[in-house]
Amino acid sequence: MNIESLTIHDLNGKLINTVDMPLNKINLRNLSSGVYFLKFKIDNVHIMKRLIKE
């Protein structure tokens, strides 16, 4: 599996950040507490996961 890209969206769907070549770790320090959605593109398939930052 190869992660091609990663985008971070808020609850309203607004794009917060784009990571074109994600590494094993993603810096989330700049995000405020709340709920976000991570949208991964892996081998031309889009996968969305919910993230809760406290």
C-alpha atoms as a PDB file:
ATOM      1  CA  MET A   1       0.000   0.000   0.000  1.00  0.00           C
ATOM      2  CA  ASN A   2       1.233   3.431  -0.923  1.00  0.00           C
ATOM      3  CA  ILE A   3      -0.298   6.590   0.560  1.00  0.00           C
ATOM      4  CA  GLU A   4      -0.346   9.043  -2.347  1.00  0.00           C
ATOM      5  CA  SER A   5      -1.887  12.007  -0.535  1.00  0.00           C
ATOM      6  CA  LEU A   6      -3.634  13.047   2.652  1.00  0.00           C
ATOM      7  CA  THR A   7      -6.039  15.912   3.267  1.00  0.00           C
ATOM      8  CA  ILE A   8      -7.444  17.132   6.578  1.00  0.00           C
ATOM      9  CA  HIS A   9     -10.968  18.597   6.664  1.00  0.00           C
ATOM     10  CA  ASP A  10     -13.064  20.139   9.435  1.00  0.00           C
ATOM     11  CA  LEU A  11     -16.646  19.085  10.260  1.00  0.00           C
ATOM     12  CA  ASN A  12     -18.020  21.481   7.636  1.00  0.00           C
ATOM     13  CA  GLY A  13     -15.886  19.887   4.921  1.00  0.00           C
ATOM     14  CA  LYS A  14     -13.509  22.840   4.717  1.00  0.00           C
ATOM     15  CA  LEU A  15      -9.996  21.830   3.665  1.00  0.00           C
ATOM     16  CA  ILE A  16      -7.590  22.506   6.536  1.00  0.00           C
ATOM     17  CA  ASN A  17      -4.342  21.034   5.229  1.00  0.00           C
ATOM     18  CA  THR A  18      -2.930  18.935   2.372  1.00  0.00           C
ATOM     19  CA  VAL A  19      -0.003  16.545   2.736  1.00  0.00           C
ATOM     20  CA  ASP A  20       1.205  15.410  -0.693  1.00  0.00           C
ATOM     21  CA  MET A  21       3.742  12.823   0.422  1.00  0.00           C
ATOM     22  CA  PRO A  22       2.813  11.786   3.961  1.00  0.00           C
ATOM     23  CA  LEU A  23       5.469  10.143   6.092  1.00  0.00           C
ATOM     24  CA  ASN A  24       4.855   7.728   8.948  1.00  0.00           C
ATOM     25  CA  LYS A  25       3.987  10.644  11.252  1.00  0.00           C
ATOM     26  CA  ILE A  26       1.751  13.665  10.727  1.00  0.00           C
ATOM     27  CA  ASN A  27       2.193  16.829  12.799  1.00  0.00           C
ATOM     28  CA  LEU A  28      -1.200  17.839  14.231  1.00  0.00           C
ATOM     29  CA  ARG A  29       0.077  20.452  16.701  1.00  0.00           C
ATOM     30  CA  ASN A  30      -1.356  23.333  14.655  1.00  0.00           C
ATOM     31  CA  LEU A  31      -4.892  21.933  14.844  1.00  0.00           C
ATOM     32  CA  SER A  32      -7.274  23.189  17.501  1.00  0.00           C
ATOM     33  CA  SER A  33      -9.178  20.697  19.622  1.00  0.00           C
ATOM     34  CA  GLY A  34     -12.121  19.236  17.760  1.00  0.00           C
ATOM     35  CA  VAL A  35     -13.254  16.680  15.204  1.00  0.00           C
ATOM     36  CA  TYR A  36     -11.585  16.381  11.813  1.00  0.00           C
ATOM     37  CA  PHE A  37     -11.691  14.047   8.854  1.00  0.00           C
ATOM     38  CA  LEU A  38      -8.556  12.589   7.287  1.00  0.00           C
ATOM     39  CA  LYS A  39      -8.948  11.680   3.632  1.00  0.00           C
ATOM     40  CA  PHE A  40      -6.285   9.295   2.370  1.00  0.00           C
ATOM     41  CA  LYS A  41      -5.619   8.423  -1.249  1.00  0.00           C
ATOM     42  CA  ILE A  42      -4.107   4.949  -1.299  1.00  0.00           C
ATOM     43  CA  ASP A  43      -3.474   3.219  -4.627  1.00  0.00           C
ATOM     44  CA  ASN A  44      -6.164   5.401  -6.307  1.00  0.00           C
ATOM     45  CA  VAL A  45      -8.734   4.589  -3.594  1.00  0.00           C
ATOM     46  CA  HIS A  46     -10.028   7.315  -1.242  1.00  0.00           C
ATOM     47  CA  ILE A  47     -10.475   6.398   2.432  1.00  0.00           C
ATOM     48  CA  MET A  48     -11.903   8.787   5.024  1.00  0.00           C
ATOM     49  CA  LYS A  49     -11.306   8.440   8.777  1.00  0.00           C
ATOM     50  CA  ARG A  50     -12.508  10.575  11.673  1.00  0.00           C
ATOM     51  CA  LEU A  51      -9.945  12.153  14.010  1.00  0.00           C
ATOM     52  CA  ILE A  52     -10.753  13.604  17.421  1.00  0.00           C
ATOM     53  CA  LYS A  53      -8.080  15.942  18.763  1.00  0.00           C
ATOM     54  CA  GLU A  54      -8.276  16.817  22.422  1.00  0.00           C
END
